[in-house]
């Protein structure tokens, strides 16, 4: 699985849970993939506010 693909899908769907179900991963794994991309870029790109992605 490409971590960047999961990251892009999270942005498109605004839902870690939806991406996880679509790609066959846990919500936690998708969250970790997103965090990995953000750490690599040294930039917070997705914010979770009241269980919604922003």
C-alpha atoms as a PDB file:
ATOM      1  CA  UNK A   1       0.000   0.000   0.000  1.00  0.00           C
ATOM      2  CA  UNK A   2       1.258   3.405  -0.890  1.00  0.00           C
ATOM      3  CA  UNK A   3       1.136   5.696   2.128  1.00  0.00           C
ATOM      4  CA  UNK A   4       0.621   8.706  -0.121  1.00  0.00           C
ATOM      5  CA  UNK A   5      -2.393   7.055  -1.749  1.00  0.00           C
ATOM      6  CA  UNK A   6      -3.975   6.543   1.666  1.00  0.00           C
ATOM      7  CA  UNK A   7      -3.185  10.164   2.521  1.00  0.00           C
ATOM      8  CA  UNK A   8      -4.821  11.453  -0.670  1.00  0.00           C
ATOM      9  CA  UNK A   9      -7.885   9.251  -0.124  1.00  0.00           C
ATOM     10  CA  UNK A  10      -8.200  10.656   3.410  1.00  0.00           C
ATOM     11  CA  UNK A  11      -8.214  14.174   1.996  1.00  0.00           C
ATOM     12  CA  UNK A  12     -10.758  13.240  -0.695  1.00  0.00           C
ATOM     13  CA  UNK A  13     -13.164  11.472   1.650  1.00  0.00           C
ATOM     14  CA  UNK A  14     -12.540  13.475   4.855  1.00  0.00           C
ATOM     15  CA  UNK A  15     -12.788  10.173   6.702  1.00  0.00           C
ATOM     16  CA  UNK A  16     -10.069   7.878   8.036  1.00  0.00           C
ATOM     17  CA  UNK A  17     -12.752   5.264   8.688  1.00  0.00           C
ATOM     18  CA  UNK A  18     -14.060   5.330   5.117  1.00  0.00           C
ATOM     19  CA  UNK A  19     -10.533   5.028   3.707  1.00  0.00           C
ATOM     20  CA  UNK A  20      -9.744   2.188   6.093  1.00  0.00           C
ATOM     21  CA  UNK A  21     -12.823   0.238   5.015  1.00  0.00           C
ATOM     22  CA  UNK A  22     -12.128   0.875   1.323  1.00  0.00           C
ATOM     23  CA  UNK A  23      -8.467  -0.157   1.518  1.00  0.00           C
ATOM     24  CA  UNK A  24      -8.838  -2.962   4.049  1.00  0.00           C
ATOM     25  CA  UNK A  25      -6.872  -1.370   6.890  1.00  0.00           C
ATOM     26  CA  UNK A  26      -7.780  -0.299  10.394  1.00  0.00           C
ATOM     27  CA  UNK A  27      -8.636   3.325  11.086  1.00  0.00           C
ATOM     28  CA  UNK A  28      -5.547   3.445  13.270  1.00  0.00           C
ATOM     29  CA  UNK A  29      -3.322   2.276  10.403  1.00  0.00           C
ATOM     30  CA  UNK A  30      -4.671   5.025   8.131  1.00  0.00           C
ATOM     31  CA  UNK A  31      -4.089   7.593  10.857  1.00  0.00           C
ATOM     32  CA  UNK A  32      -0.502   6.359  11.219  1.00  0.00           C
ATOM     33  CA  UNK A  33       0.017   6.592   7.439  1.00  0.00           C
ATOM     34  CA  UNK A  34      -1.232  10.185   7.463  1.00  0.00           C
ATOM     35  CA  UNK A  35       1.039  11.002  10.399  1.00  0.00           C
ATOM     36  CA  UNK A  36       3.957   9.449   8.531  1.00  0.00           C
ATOM     37  CA  UNK A  37       3.411  11.724   5.524  1.00  0.00           C
ATOM     38  CA  UNK A  38       3.063  14.765   7.770  1.00  0.00           C
ATOM     39  CA  UNK A  39       6.271  13.898   9.630  1.00  0.00           C
ATOM     40  CA  UNK A  40       8.141  13.368   6.367  1.00  0.00           C
ATOM     41  CA  UNK A  41       7.053  16.811   5.192  1.00  0.00           C
ATOM     42  CA  UNK A  42       7.524  18.369   8.652  1.00  0.00           C
ATOM     43  CA  UNK A  43       4.084  19.898   8.298  1.00  0.00           C
ATOM     44  CA  UNK A  44       0.681  19.214   9.857  1.00  0.00           C
ATOM     45  CA  UNK A  45      -1.662  18.921   6.879  1.00  0.00           C
ATOM     46  CA  UNK A  46      -4.832  17.345   8.254  1.00  0.00           C
ATOM     47  CA  UNK A  47      -6.510  18.458  11.448  1.00  0.00           C
ATOM     48  CA  UNK A  48      -9.124  16.379  13.236  1.00  0.00           C
ATOM     49  CA  UNK A  49     -11.650  18.576  15.005  1.00  0.00           C
ATOM     50  CA  UNK A  50     -14.592  16.940  16.729  1.00  0.00           C
ATOM     51  CA  UNK A  51     -14.019  13.743  14.715  1.00  0.00           C
ATOM     52  CA  UNK A  52     -14.037  15.613  11.382  1.00  0.00           C
ATOM     53  CA  UNK A  53     -11.024  16.114   9.118  1.00  0.00           C
ATOM     54  CA  UNK A  54     -10.097  19.694   8.258  1.00  0.00           C
END
